[in-house]
Amino acid sequence: MSIDHLSSLDPIFAESLRVGGPTVRDFRRPGGFSGLLCLIIEQQLSTTVAAALWAKLQGMVGVVTPDAILALPDEDLRACGLSRQKIGYARGLARTVADGGLDFDAIHGMDDEEAIAALVALKGIGRWTAEIYLMMAMERPDIWPVGDLAIQLGVQRLKGWAEKPTPAQLLAVAEPWRPHRSLAAKLVWHHYVALQEQAKAMKTPKGKKTPKEKERL
């Protein structure tokens, strides 16, 4: 019903489904320490690269917990692909959670802006990370991450704008979409990812198998 409602408000959402397919991709993330750390690792990285780093970390420790991160030497974290800065963020978050300085149950009980403020108080977590955590892990319904590059480029393409929109423009265009802006963001991502996949497929030489096709052999 929310998708139909958004599509009635703005044709870009029907276009998102036409290009990306009728089933919206699952953008959920786990909650708690592992979900927040995963988002820190994703900062300023492509989804593919971030997923590879996360897989290496999981392969090294199994379940990603604060104690597991604190027990790993820096060399092992670097071997997983983490930069020096992100190692510091990971250890700081792990130490805060292990010491009881971050109560995820309390975060989940806060309203959106309170939860964002509590998360950005932690080193290494900016508004983007906090908003994506609220949207993907906590499944808050009305988050609109205007600092997300894919949202900026996605709205620009869907609207046919000549230039990438500013945060103010993104806030203004999304105002009628309340209280379903999280779904609006997921539909924009759905369209953006589909276009990326199509572009990648076009670059694959004819007759050459993609990595996924090779895995099936």
N, C-alpha and C. Protein backbone atom coordinates (compact mmCIF):
# COMPACT_ATOMS: atom_id res chain seq x y z
N MET A 1 0.83 -1.20 0.00
CA MET A 1 0.00 0.00 0.00
C MET A 1 0.87 1.26 0.00
N SER A 2 1.98 1.24 0.75
CA SER A 2 2.86 2.41 0.80
C SER A 2 3.50 2.68 -0.55
N ILE A 3 3.88 1.60 -1.27
CA ILE A 3 4.46 1.78 -2.60
C ILE A 3 3.43 2.39 -3.54
N ASP A 4 2.19 1.91 -3.48
CA ASP A 4 1.13 2.48 -4.32
C ASP A 4 0.90 3.95 -3.97
N HIS A 5 0.95 4.23 -2.68
CA HIS A 5 0.74 5.62 -2.24
C HIS A 5 1.86 6.52 -2.76
N LEU A 6 3.11 6.08 -2.64
CA LEU A 6 4.23 6.87 -3.12
C LEU A 6 4.15 7.05 -4.64
N SER A 7 3.77 5.98 -5.34
CA SER A 7 3.67 6.05 -6.80
C SER A 7 2.58 7.02 -7.23
N SER A 8 1.54 7.14 -6.41
CA SER A 8 0.47 8.11 -6.72
C SER A 8 0.93 9.54 -6.48
N LEU A 9 1.94 9.71 -5.61
CA LEU A 9 2.45 11.04 -5.31
C LEU A 9 3.50 11.50 -6.31
N ASP A 10 4.30 10.54 -6.82
CA ASP A 10 5.40 10.91 -7.69
C ASP A 10 5.69 9.75 -8.65
N PRO A 11 5.71 10.01 -9.96
CA PRO A 11 5.94 8.93 -10.93
C PRO A 11 7.32 8.30 -10.87
N ILE A 12 8.27 8.92 -10.16
CA ILE A 12 9.61 8.33 -10.12
C ILE A 12 9.60 6.96 -9.45
N PHE A 13 8.62 6.71 -8.59
CA PHE A 13 8.61 5.42 -7.89
C PHE A 13 8.10 4.30 -8.79
N ALA A 14 7.16 4.61 -9.65
CA ALA A 14 6.74 3.62 -10.65
C ALA A 14 7.89 3.33 -11.61
N GLU A 15 8.66 4.37 -11.92
CA GLU A 15 9.83 4.19 -12.79
C GLU A 15 10.89 3.33 -12.10
N SER A 16 11.06 3.51 -10.80
CA SER A 16 12.01 2.70 -10.04
C SER A 16 11.66 1.22 -10.15
N LEU A 17 10.37 0.91 -10.04
CA LEU A 17 9.92 -0.48 -10.12
C LEU A 17 10.00 -1.00 -11.56
N ARG A 18 9.75 -0.15 -12.52
CA ARG A 18 9.84 -0.58 -13.92
C ARG A 18 11.27 -0.97 -14.27
N VAL A 19 12.23 -0.17 -13.82
CA VAL A 19 13.64 -0.44 -14.14
C VAL A 19 14.22 -1.52 -13.24
N GLY A 20 13.91 -1.44 -11.95
CA GLY A 20 14.53 -2.36 -10.99
C GLY A 20 13.80 -3.67 -10.80
N GLY A 21 12.54 -3.73 -11.25
CA GLY A 21 11.75 -4.94 -11.06
C GLY A 21 10.74 -4.75 -9.94
N PRO A 22 9.70 -5.57 -9.92
CA PRO A 22 8.59 -5.37 -8.98
C PRO A 22 8.92 -5.68 -7.52
N THR A 23 9.96 -6.47 -7.29
CA THR A 23 10.35 -6.82 -5.92
C THR A 23 11.51 -5.94 -5.48
N VAL A 24 11.28 -5.11 -4.49
CA VAL A 24 12.33 -4.18 -4.02
C VAL A 24 13.42 -4.96 -3.31
N ARG A 25 14.65 -4.63 -3.60
CA ARG A 25 15.79 -5.31 -2.98
C ARG A 25 15.76 -5.18 -1.46
N ASP A 26 16.33 -6.18 -0.81
CA ASP A 26 16.38 -6.19 0.66
C ASP A 26 17.65 -5.46 1.11
N PHE A 27 17.47 -4.28 1.70
CA PHE A 27 18.61 -3.48 2.13
C PHE A 27 18.84 -3.57 3.65
N ARG A 28 18.21 -4.52 4.29
CA ARG A 28 18.32 -4.60 5.75
C ARG A 28 19.73 -4.95 6.21
N ARG A 29 20.07 -4.50 7.42
CA ARG A 29 21.32 -4.83 8.08
C ARG A 29 21.00 -5.36 9.47
N PRO A 30 21.90 -6.15 10.05
CA PRO A 30 21.65 -6.61 11.42
C PRO A 30 21.74 -5.45 12.40
N GLY A 31 21.10 -5.58 13.54
CA GLY A 31 21.18 -4.54 14.56
C GLY A 31 22.35 -4.78 15.49
N GLY A 32 22.50 -3.89 16.44
CA GLY A 32 23.54 -4.05 17.45
C GLY A 32 24.94 -3.74 16.95
N PHE A 33 25.92 -4.26 17.67
CA PHE A 33 27.32 -3.94 17.39
C PHE A 33 27.74 -4.32 15.98
N SER A 34 27.42 -5.55 15.55
CA SER A 34 27.88 -5.99 14.23
C SER A 34 27.29 -5.16 13.11
N GLY A 35 26.02 -4.80 13.23
CA GLY A 35 25.40 -3.98 12.20
C GLY A 35 26.00 -2.60 12.11
N LEU A 36 26.28 -1.99 13.26
CA LEU A 36 26.87 -0.65 13.27
C LEU A 36 28.30 -0.68 12.76
N LEU A 37 29.06 -1.70 13.16
CA LEU A 37 30.43 -1.83 12.68
C LEU A 37 30.46 -2.06 11.17
N CYS A 38 29.53 -2.86 10.68
CA CYS A 38 29.45 -3.11 9.24
C CYS A 38 29.25 -1.81 8.47
N LEU A 39 28.42 -0.93 8.99
CA LEU A 39 28.18 0.35 8.33
C LEU A 39 29.41 1.26 8.39
N ILE A 40 30.15 1.19 9.49
CA ILE A 40 31.40 1.97 9.58
C ILE A 40 32.37 1.50 8.50
N ILE A 41 32.45 0.19 8.31
CA ILE A 41 33.34 -0.35 7.28
C ILE A 41 32.89 0.08 5.89
N GLU A 42 31.57 0.21 5.69
CA GLU A 42 31.04 0.60 4.38
C GLU A 42 31.29 2.07 4.04
N GLN A 43 31.64 2.88 5.01
CA GLN A 43 31.82 4.31 4.74
C GLN A 43 32.83 4.54 3.63
N GLN A 44 32.42 5.29 2.61
CA GLN A 44 33.29 5.72 1.50
C GLN A 44 33.83 4.55 0.68
N LEU A 45 33.15 3.40 0.75
CA LEU A 45 33.54 2.25 -0.05
C LEU A 45 32.35 1.80 -0.89
N SER A 46 32.63 1.13 -1.99
CA SER A 46 31.55 0.55 -2.77
C SER A 46 30.95 -0.62 -1.99
N THR A 47 29.73 -0.96 -2.32
CA THR A 47 29.06 -2.07 -1.64
C THR A 47 29.84 -3.37 -1.83
N THR A 48 30.38 -3.58 -3.02
CA THR A 48 31.11 -4.81 -3.32
C THR A 48 32.38 -4.91 -2.49
N VAL A 49 33.14 -3.83 -2.43
CA VAL A 49 34.39 -3.84 -1.67
C VAL A 49 34.10 -4.01 -0.18
N ALA A 50 33.10 -3.29 0.33
CA ALA A 50 32.76 -3.39 1.75
C ALA A 50 32.32 -4.80 2.11
N ALA A 51 31.55 -5.44 1.24
CA ALA A 51 31.10 -6.81 1.49
C ALA A 51 32.28 -7.77 1.55
N ALA A 52 33.27 -7.55 0.69
CA ALA A 52 34.45 -8.41 0.70
C ALA A 52 35.24 -8.25 2.00
N LEU A 53 35.39 -7.01 2.47
CA LEU A 53 36.10 -6.77 3.73
C LEU A 53 35.35 -7.41 4.90
N TRP A 54 34.04 -7.26 4.90
CA TRP A 54 33.24 -7.84 5.98
C TRP A 54 33.34 -9.36 5.98
N ALA A 55 33.36 -9.96 4.79
CA ALA A 55 33.48 -11.42 4.69
C ALA A 55 34.83 -11.88 5.24
N LYS A 56 35.88 -11.12 4.98
CA LYS A 56 37.21 -11.46 5.51
C LYS A 56 37.20 -11.39 7.03
N LEU A 57 36.57 -10.36 7.57
CA LEU A 57 36.52 -10.20 9.02
C LEU A 57 35.73 -11.35 9.65
N GLN A 58 34.61 -11.69 9.06
CA GLN A 58 33.81 -12.81 9.58
C GLN A 58 34.58 -14.11 9.48
N GLY A 59 35.32 -14.28 8.39
CA GLY A 59 36.11 -15.49 8.24
C GLY A 59 37.20 -15.61 9.29
N MET A 60 37.67 -14.48 9.78
CA MET A 60 38.73 -14.48 10.76
C MET A 60 38.21 -14.71 12.18
N VAL A 61 37.06 -14.12 12.53
CA VAL A 61 36.59 -14.18 13.91
C VAL A 61 35.30 -14.99 14.09
N GLY A 62 34.63 -15.32 12.97
CA GLY A 62 33.34 -15.99 13.09
C GLY A 62 32.27 -14.96 13.41
N VAL A 63 31.75 -15.00 14.62
CA VAL A 63 30.76 -14.01 15.05
C VAL A 63 31.49 -12.72 15.42
N VAL A 64 31.06 -11.61 14.82
CA VAL A 64 31.73 -10.32 15.06
C VAL A 64 31.15 -9.70 16.33
N THR A 65 31.94 -9.76 17.40
CA THR A 65 31.53 -9.21 18.70
C THR A 65 32.56 -8.19 19.15
N PRO A 66 32.22 -7.35 20.14
CA PRO A 66 33.21 -6.40 20.66
C PRO A 66 34.47 -7.10 21.17
N ASP A 67 34.30 -8.19 21.91
CA ASP A 67 35.47 -8.91 22.43
C ASP A 67 36.34 -9.46 21.32
N ALA A 68 35.71 -9.95 20.25
CA ALA A 68 36.48 -10.50 19.13
C ALA A 68 37.31 -9.42 18.45
N ILE A 69 36.73 -8.24 18.28
CA ILE A 69 37.47 -7.13 17.65
C ILE A 69 38.60 -6.66 18.55
N LEU A 70 38.34 -6.55 19.84
CA LEU A 70 39.38 -6.09 20.77
C LEU A 70 40.52 -7.09 20.88
N ALA A 71 40.23 -8.37 20.65
CA ALA A 71 41.27 -9.40 20.77
C ALA A 71 42.17 -9.48 19.54
N LEU A 72 41.70 -8.96 18.41
CA LEU A 72 42.49 -9.04 17.18
C LEU A 72 43.60 -8.00 17.17
N PRO A 73 44.81 -8.38 16.81
CA PRO A 73 45.87 -7.37 16.65
C PRO A 73 45.62 -6.52 15.41
N ASP A 74 46.21 -5.36 15.38
CA ASP A 74 46.01 -4.45 14.25
C ASP A 74 46.39 -5.10 12.92
N GLU A 75 47.42 -5.95 12.93
CA GLU A 75 47.86 -6.58 11.69
C GLU A 75 46.74 -7.41 11.07
N ASP A 76 45.99 -8.11 11.90
CA ASP A 76 44.90 -8.93 11.39
C ASP A 76 43.77 -8.06 10.83
N LEU A 77 43.48 -6.97 11.52
CA LEU A 77 42.44 -6.06 11.02
C LEU A 77 42.87 -5.41 9.71
N ARG A 78 44.16 -5.09 9.60
CA ARG A 78 44.67 -4.55 8.33
C ARG A 78 44.59 -5.60 7.23
N ALA A 79 44.82 -6.85 7.58
CA ALA A 79 44.74 -7.94 6.60
C ALA A 79 43.32 -8.11 6.08
N CYS A 80 42.34 -7.70 6.87
CA CYS A 80 40.94 -7.74 6.42
C CYS A 80 40.61 -6.58 5.50
N GLY A 81 41.52 -5.62 5.40
CA GLY A 81 41.30 -4.48 4.52
C GLY A 81 40.92 -3.20 5.22
N LEU A 82 40.94 -3.18 6.55
CA LEU A 82 40.56 -1.97 7.28
C LEU A 82 41.72 -0.98 7.30
N SER A 83 41.43 0.27 7.08
CA SER A 83 42.44 1.31 7.16
C SER A 83 42.78 1.58 8.62
N ARG A 84 43.85 2.32 8.83
CA ARG A 84 44.24 2.67 10.21
C ARG A 84 43.12 3.43 10.91
N GLN A 85 42.49 4.34 10.18
CA GLN A 85 41.41 5.13 10.76
C GLN A 85 40.23 4.24 11.16
N LYS A 86 39.85 3.33 10.29
CA LYS A 86 38.71 2.46 10.60
C LYS A 86 39.04 1.43 11.69
N ILE A 87 40.28 1.05 11.79
CA ILE A 87 40.69 0.19 12.91
C ILE A 87 40.45 0.93 14.22
N GLY A 88 40.81 2.21 14.24
CA GLY A 88 40.58 3.02 15.44
C GLY A 88 39.10 3.14 15.75
N TYR A 89 38.28 3.36 14.72
CA TYR A 89 36.83 3.45 14.93
C TYR A 89 36.26 2.13 15.44
N ALA A 90 36.72 1.03 14.84
CA ALA A 90 36.22 -0.29 15.23
C ALA A 90 36.56 -0.60 16.68
N ARG A 91 37.80 -0.31 17.06
CA ARG A 91 38.21 -0.58 18.44
C ARG A 91 37.48 0.35 19.41
N GLY A 92 37.30 1.59 19.02
CA GLY A 92 36.59 2.53 19.90
C GLY A 92 35.15 2.10 20.12
N LEU A 93 34.47 1.68 19.04
CA LEU A 93 33.09 1.21 19.17
C LEU A 93 33.04 -0.05 20.02
N ALA A 94 33.96 -0.97 19.77
CA ALA A 94 33.98 -2.23 20.52
C ALA A 94 34.19 -1.97 22.01
N ARG A 95 35.10 -1.06 22.31
CA ARG A 95 35.40 -0.76 23.72
C ARG A 95 34.19 -0.09 24.39
N THR A 96 33.55 0.82 23.67
CA THR A 96 32.38 1.50 24.23
C THR A 96 31.26 0.52 24.53
N VAL A 97 31.00 -0.39 23.60
CA VAL A 97 29.94 -1.38 23.80
C VAL A 97 30.31 -2.35 24.92
N ALA A 98 31.57 -2.80 24.91
CA ALA A 98 32.00 -3.75 25.94
C ALA A 98 31.93 -3.14 27.33
N ASP A 99 32.20 -1.85 27.44
CA ASP A 99 32.16 -1.16 28.74
C ASP A 99 30.76 -0.70 29.14
N GLY A 100 29.78 -0.96 28.29
CA GLY A 100 28.41 -0.56 28.62
C GLY A 100 28.10 0.88 28.30
N GLY A 101 28.97 1.53 27.52
CA GLY A 101 28.75 2.95 27.19
C GLY A 101 27.75 3.18 26.08
N LEU A 102 27.35 2.11 25.40
CA LEU A 102 26.35 2.23 24.34
C LEU A 102 25.30 1.15 24.56
N ASP A 103 24.10 1.58 24.85
CA ASP A 103 22.98 0.67 25.13
C ASP A 103 22.07 0.65 23.91
N PHE A 104 22.13 -0.42 23.13
CA PHE A 104 21.34 -0.49 21.91
C PHE A 104 19.85 -0.54 22.20
N ASP A 105 19.47 -1.15 23.30
CA ASP A 105 18.04 -1.17 23.66
C ASP A 105 17.54 0.25 23.90
N ALA A 106 18.38 1.06 24.56
CA ALA A 106 18.00 2.45 24.81
C ALA A 106 17.90 3.22 23.50
N ILE A 107 18.84 2.98 22.58
CA ILE A 107 18.81 3.63 21.27
C ILE A 107 17.51 3.31 20.55
N HIS A 108 17.12 2.05 20.61
CA HIS A 108 15.91 1.63 19.90
C HIS A 108 14.65 2.24 20.52
N GLY A 109 14.74 2.68 21.75
CA GLY A 109 13.59 3.30 22.40
C GLY A 109 13.49 4.79 22.17
N MET A 110 14.49 5.39 21.54
CA MET A 110 14.49 6.83 21.29
C MET A 110 13.77 7.17 20.00
N ASP A 111 13.34 8.43 19.87
CA ASP A 111 12.81 8.86 18.59
C ASP A 111 13.98 9.05 17.62
N ASP A 112 13.67 9.33 16.36
CA ASP A 112 14.70 9.34 15.32
C ASP A 112 15.85 10.30 15.63
N GLU A 113 15.55 11.54 15.91
CA GLU A 113 16.61 12.53 16.10
C GLU A 113 17.41 12.26 17.37
N GLU A 114 16.75 11.77 18.42
CA GLU A 114 17.48 11.41 19.64
C GLU A 114 18.44 10.27 19.38
N ALA A 115 17.98 9.27 18.64
CA ALA A 115 18.83 8.12 18.33
C ALA A 115 20.01 8.53 17.46
N ILE A 116 19.76 9.39 16.48
CA ILE A 116 20.85 9.88 15.62
C ILE A 116 21.87 10.65 16.45
N ALA A 117 21.40 11.51 17.34
CA ALA A 117 22.31 12.29 18.18
C ALA A 117 23.16 11.39 19.06
N ALA A 118 22.56 10.33 19.61
CA ALA A 118 23.31 9.41 20.47
C ALA A 118 24.37 8.66 19.69
N LEU A 119 24.07 8.31 18.46
CA LEU A 119 25.03 7.55 17.65
C LEU A 119 26.16 8.45 17.14
N VAL A 120 25.84 9.66 16.69
CA VAL A 120 26.90 10.52 16.15
C VAL A 120 27.83 11.04 17.24
N ALA A 121 27.45 10.85 18.49
CA ALA A 121 28.35 11.22 19.59
C ALA A 121 29.55 10.28 19.66
N LEU A 122 29.45 9.14 18.99
CA LEU A 122 30.54 8.17 18.98
C LEU A 122 31.52 8.50 17.86
N LYS A 123 32.80 8.35 18.13
CA LYS A 123 33.82 8.66 17.14
C LYS A 123 33.70 7.70 15.96
N GLY A 124 33.73 8.27 14.76
CA GLY A 124 33.65 7.45 13.55
C GLY A 124 32.26 7.29 13.00
N ILE A 125 31.26 7.82 13.71
CA ILE A 125 29.88 7.71 13.25
C ILE A 125 29.34 9.10 12.94
N GLY A 126 29.07 9.34 11.67
CA GLY A 126 28.47 10.59 11.25
C GLY A 126 26.98 10.41 11.03
N ARG A 127 26.35 11.44 10.55
CA ARG A 127 24.90 11.38 10.37
C ARG A 127 24.49 10.30 9.35
N TRP A 128 25.27 10.17 8.26
CA TRP A 128 24.94 9.14 7.27
C TRP A 128 24.88 7.76 7.92
N THR A 129 25.92 7.41 8.67
CA THR A 129 25.96 6.09 9.31
C THR A 129 24.79 5.90 10.26
N ALA A 130 24.50 6.93 11.04
CA ALA A 130 23.40 6.84 12.00
C ALA A 130 22.06 6.69 11.28
N GLU A 131 21.86 7.47 10.22
CA GLU A 131 20.59 7.38 9.49
C GLU A 131 20.42 6.02 8.82
N ILE A 132 21.48 5.51 8.22
CA ILE A 132 21.38 4.21 7.57
C ILE A 132 21.14 3.11 8.60
N TYR A 133 21.74 3.24 9.78
CA TYR A 133 21.48 2.26 10.84
C TYR A 133 20.00 2.29 11.24
N LEU A 134 19.46 3.48 11.42
CA LEU A 134 18.05 3.60 11.79
C LEU A 134 17.15 3.00 10.70
N MET A 135 17.51 3.23 9.46
CA MET A 135 16.68 2.75 8.37
C MET A 135 16.82 1.24 8.16
N MET A 136 18.06 0.76 8.10
CA MET A 136 18.32 -0.62 7.71
C MET A 136 18.27 -1.61 8.87
N ALA A 137 18.72 -1.20 10.04
CA ALA A 137 18.76 -2.12 11.18
C ALA A 137 17.53 -1.97 12.08
N MET A 138 17.10 -0.73 12.29
CA MET A 138 15.97 -0.48 13.17
C MET A 138 14.64 -0.40 12.41
N GLU A 139 14.75 -0.33 11.07
CA GLU A 139 13.57 -0.28 10.20
C GLU A 139 12.64 0.88 10.54
N ARG A 140 13.25 2.04 10.83
CA ARG A 140 12.46 3.25 11.04
C ARG A 140 11.85 3.67 9.69
N PRO A 141 10.60 4.08 9.66
CA PRO A 141 9.90 4.28 8.39
C PRO A 141 10.12 5.61 7.68
N ASP A 142 10.65 6.61 8.37
CA ASP A 142 10.67 7.94 7.76
C ASP A 142 12.06 8.58 7.81
N ILE A 143 13.06 7.82 7.37
CA ILE A 143 14.44 8.32 7.30
C ILE A 143 14.76 8.66 5.84
N TRP A 144 15.36 9.80 5.62
CA TRP A 144 15.68 10.26 4.26
C TRP A 144 17.13 10.76 4.27
N PRO A 145 18.10 9.89 3.92
CA PRO A 145 19.53 10.22 4.05
C PRO A 145 20.06 11.09 2.91
N VAL A 146 19.91 12.39 3.04
CA VAL A 146 20.27 13.30 1.95
C VAL A 146 21.77 13.35 1.69
N GLY A 147 22.58 12.85 2.62
CA GLY A 147 24.02 12.82 2.40
C GLY A 147 24.49 11.60 1.64
N ASP A 148 23.58 10.72 1.27
CA ASP A 148 23.95 9.49 0.56
C ASP A 148 24.12 9.78 -0.93
N LEU A 149 25.27 9.42 -1.48
CA LEU A 149 25.56 9.74 -2.88
C LEU A 149 24.59 9.05 -3.83
N ALA A 150 24.24 7.79 -3.54
CA ALA A 150 23.31 7.07 -4.42
C ALA A 150 21.93 7.71 -4.42
N ILE A 151 21.52 8.25 -3.27
CA ILE A 151 20.25 8.98 -3.22
C ILE A 151 20.34 10.24 -4.07
N GLN A 152 21.44 10.96 -3.95
CA GLN A 152 21.61 12.20 -4.72
C GLN A 152 21.58 11.92 -6.22
N LEU A 153 22.39 10.94 -6.65
CA LEU A 153 22.47 10.63 -8.08
C LEU A 153 21.19 9.97 -8.58
N GLY A 154 20.60 9.13 -7.71
CA GLY A 154 19.37 8.45 -8.10
C GLY A 154 18.22 9.41 -8.32
N VAL A 155 18.04 10.35 -7.42
CA VAL A 155 16.97 11.34 -7.58
C VAL A 155 17.25 12.22 -8.79
N GLN A 156 18.51 12.58 -8.99
CA GLN A 156 18.86 13.39 -10.15
C GLN A 156 18.44 12.70 -11.45
N ARG A 157 18.75 11.40 -11.55
CA ARG A 157 18.41 10.67 -12.77
C ARG A 157 16.89 10.51 -12.92
N LEU A 158 16.24 10.13 -11.83
CA LEU A 158 14.80 9.89 -11.89
C LEU A 158 14.02 11.16 -12.21
N LYS A 159 14.50 12.28 -11.69
CA LYS A 159 13.83 13.55 -11.93
C LYS A 159 14.27 14.21 -13.24
N GLY A 160 15.37 13.72 -13.82
CA GLY A 160 15.87 14.33 -15.04
C GLY A 160 16.51 15.68 -14.82
N TRP A 161 17.04 15.89 -13.61
CA TRP A 161 17.68 17.17 -13.30
C TRP A 161 19.08 17.23 -13.92
N ALA A 162 19.49 18.41 -14.32
CA ALA A 162 20.80 18.59 -14.96
C ALA A 162 21.94 18.46 -13.97
N GLU A 163 21.70 18.84 -12.72
CA GLU A 163 22.76 18.82 -11.72
C GLU A 163 22.34 18.00 -10.51
N LYS A 164 23.36 17.51 -9.79
CA LYS A 164 23.09 16.74 -8.57
C LYS A 164 22.41 17.64 -7.54
N PRO A 165 21.32 17.18 -6.94
CA PRO A 165 20.58 18.03 -6.00
C PRO A 165 21.35 18.30 -4.72
N THR A 166 21.10 19.43 -4.13
CA THR A 166 21.67 19.77 -2.83
C THR A 166 20.85 19.09 -1.73
N PRO A 167 21.39 19.00 -0.51
CA PRO A 167 20.59 18.46 0.59
C PRO A 167 19.26 19.19 0.77
N ALA A 168 19.28 20.52 0.61
CA ALA A 168 18.04 21.29 0.76
C ALA A 168 17.01 20.90 -0.31
N GLN A 169 17.48 20.70 -1.53
CA GLN A 169 16.58 20.29 -2.60
C GLN A 169 16.01 18.89 -2.36
N LEU A 170 16.84 18.01 -1.83
CA LEU A 170 16.39 16.65 -1.54
C LEU A 170 15.36 16.65 -0.41
N LEU A 171 15.57 17.48 0.59
CA LEU A 171 14.59 17.58 1.68
C LEU A 171 13.26 18.12 1.16
N ALA A 172 13.35 19.11 0.28
CA ALA A 172 12.13 19.72 -0.25
C ALA A 172 11.34 18.75 -1.12
N VAL A 173 12.04 18.02 -2.00
CA VAL A 173 11.33 17.13 -2.92
C VAL A 173 10.70 15.97 -2.17
N ALA A 174 11.29 15.57 -1.04
CA ALA A 174 10.79 14.42 -0.29
C ALA A 174 9.74 14.78 0.75
N GLU A 175 9.48 16.04 0.95
CA GLU A 175 8.52 16.45 1.98
C GLU A 175 7.14 15.80 1.79
N PRO A 176 6.62 15.72 0.55
CA PRO A 176 5.30 15.10 0.37
C PRO A 176 5.30 13.59 0.63
N TRP A 177 6.50 12.99 0.71
CA TRP A 177 6.59 11.54 0.85
C TRP A 177 6.51 11.08 2.31
N ARG A 178 6.53 12.04 3.24
CA ARG A 178 6.36 11.66 4.64
C ARG A 178 5.02 10.93 4.82
N PRO A 179 4.92 9.95 5.71
CA PRO A 179 5.95 9.40 6.60
C PRO A 179 6.57 8.11 6.04
N HIS A 180 6.78 8.08 4.71
CA HIS A 180 7.30 6.87 4.06
C HIS A 180 8.63 7.13 3.36
N ARG A 181 9.43 8.04 3.89
CA ARG A 181 10.66 8.40 3.19
C ARG A 181 11.70 7.29 3.19
N SER A 182 11.68 6.40 4.18
CA SER A 182 12.60 5.26 4.14
C SER A 182 12.30 4.38 2.94
N LEU A 183 11.04 4.11 2.71
CA LEU A 183 10.65 3.32 1.53
C LEU A 183 11.02 4.07 0.26
N ALA A 184 10.83 5.39 0.25
CA ALA A 184 11.22 6.19 -0.91
C ALA A 184 12.70 6.03 -1.19
N ALA A 185 13.53 6.07 -0.14
CA ALA A 185 14.97 5.90 -0.30
C ALA A 185 15.30 4.52 -0.87
N LYS A 186 14.62 3.50 -0.37
CA LYS A 186 14.88 2.13 -0.86
C LYS A 186 14.48 1.98 -2.31
N LEU A 187 13.42 2.65 -2.73
CA LEU A 187 13.02 2.60 -4.13
C LEU A 187 14.02 3.33 -5.02
N VAL A 188 14.55 4.44 -4.54
CA VAL A 188 15.59 5.14 -5.30
C VAL A 188 16.84 4.26 -5.42
N TRP A 189 17.23 3.62 -4.31
CA TRP A 189 18.38 2.69 -4.35
C TRP A 189 18.10 1.53 -5.30
N HIS A 190 16.89 1.01 -5.26
CA HIS A 190 16.48 -0.11 -6.11
C HIS A 190 16.73 0.24 -7.58
N HIS A 191 16.35 1.44 -7.96
CA HIS A 191 16.55 1.92 -9.33
C HIS A 191 18.04 2.12 -9.62
N TYR A 192 18.76 2.72 -8.67
CA TYR A 192 20.18 3.01 -8.84
C TYR A 192 20.99 1.73 -9.03
N VAL A 193 20.73 0.73 -8.17
CA VAL A 193 21.46 -0.55 -8.25
C VAL A 193 21.16 -1.26 -9.57
N ALA A 194 19.90 -1.22 -9.99
CA ALA A 194 19.52 -1.86 -11.25
C ALA A 194 20.29 -1.25 -12.43
N LEU A 195 20.42 0.07 -12.45
CA LEU A 195 21.16 0.73 -13.52
C LEU A 195 22.65 0.34 -13.47
N GLN A 196 23.20 0.24 -12.27
CA GLN A 196 24.60 -0.19 -12.13
C GLN A 196 24.79 -1.59 -12.68
N GLU A 197 23.86 -2.48 -12.34
CA GLU A 197 23.94 -3.86 -12.81
C GLU A 197 23.82 -3.94 -14.33
N GLN A 198 22.94 -3.13 -14.89
CA GLN A 198 22.79 -3.12 -16.34
C GLN A 198 24.05 -2.61 -17.02
N ALA A 199 24.66 -1.57 -16.45
CA ALA A 199 25.89 -1.01 -17.02
C ALA A 199 27.02 -2.03 -16.95
N LYS A 200 27.09 -2.76 -15.84
CA LYS A 200 28.13 -3.78 -15.68
C LYS A 200 27.94 -4.90 -16.68
N ALA A 201 26.68 -5.30 -16.90
CA ALA A 201 26.39 -6.37 -17.85
C ALA A 201 26.77 -5.97 -19.27
N MET A 202 26.58 -4.70 -19.61
CA MET A 202 26.91 -4.22 -20.94
C MET A 202 28.42 -4.20 -21.17
N LYS A 203 29.19 -4.08 -20.08
CA LYS A 203 30.66 -4.04 -20.20
C LYS A 203 31.26 -5.43 -20.31
N THR A 204 30.48 -6.48 -19.98
CA THR A 204 30.98 -7.85 -20.06
C THR A 204 31.08 -8.26 -21.52
N PRO A 205 32.29 -8.59 -22.02
CA PRO A 205 32.45 -8.96 -23.43
C PRO A 205 31.56 -10.14 -23.80
N LYS A 206 31.05 -10.11 -25.03
CA LYS A 206 30.16 -11.18 -25.50
C LYS A 206 30.88 -12.51 -25.46
N GLY A 207 30.23 -13.50 -24.88
CA GLY A 207 30.82 -14.83 -24.79
C GLY A 207 31.62 -15.05 -23.53
N LYS A 208 31.96 -13.97 -22.82
CA LYS A 208 32.72 -14.11 -21.58
C LYS A 208 31.77 -14.25 -20.41
N LYS A 209 32.04 -15.21 -19.57
CA LYS A 209 31.15 -15.47 -18.44
C LYS A 209 31.41 -14.48 -17.32
N THR A 210 30.35 -14.04 -16.66
CA THR A 210 30.47 -13.18 -15.49
C THR A 210 30.92 -14.03 -14.31
N PRO A 211 31.45 -13.40 -13.23
CA PRO A 211 31.86 -14.17 -12.04
C PRO A 211 30.74 -15.05 -11.50
N LYS A 212 29.49 -14.57 -11.51
CA LYS A 212 28.38 -15.38 -10.99
C LYS A 212 28.15 -16.60 -11.87
N GLU A 213 28.28 -16.41 -13.19
CA GLU A 213 28.08 -17.54 -14.08
C GLU A 213 29.18 -18.57 -13.91
N LYS A 214 30.41 -18.13 -13.65
CA LYS A 214 31.51 -19.04 -13.40
C LYS A 214 31.28 -19.87 -12.16
N GLU A 215 30.68 -19.24 -11.13
CA GLU A 215 30.45 -19.94 -9.87
C GLU A 215 29.48 -21.10 -10.06
N ARG A 216 28.59 -21.00 -11.05
CA ARG A 216 27.59 -22.05 -11.25
C ARG A 216 28.18 -23.28 -11.94
N LEU A 217 29.35 -23.12 -12.58
CA LEU A 217 29.96 -24.24 -13.31
C LEU A 217 30.62 -25.24 -12.38
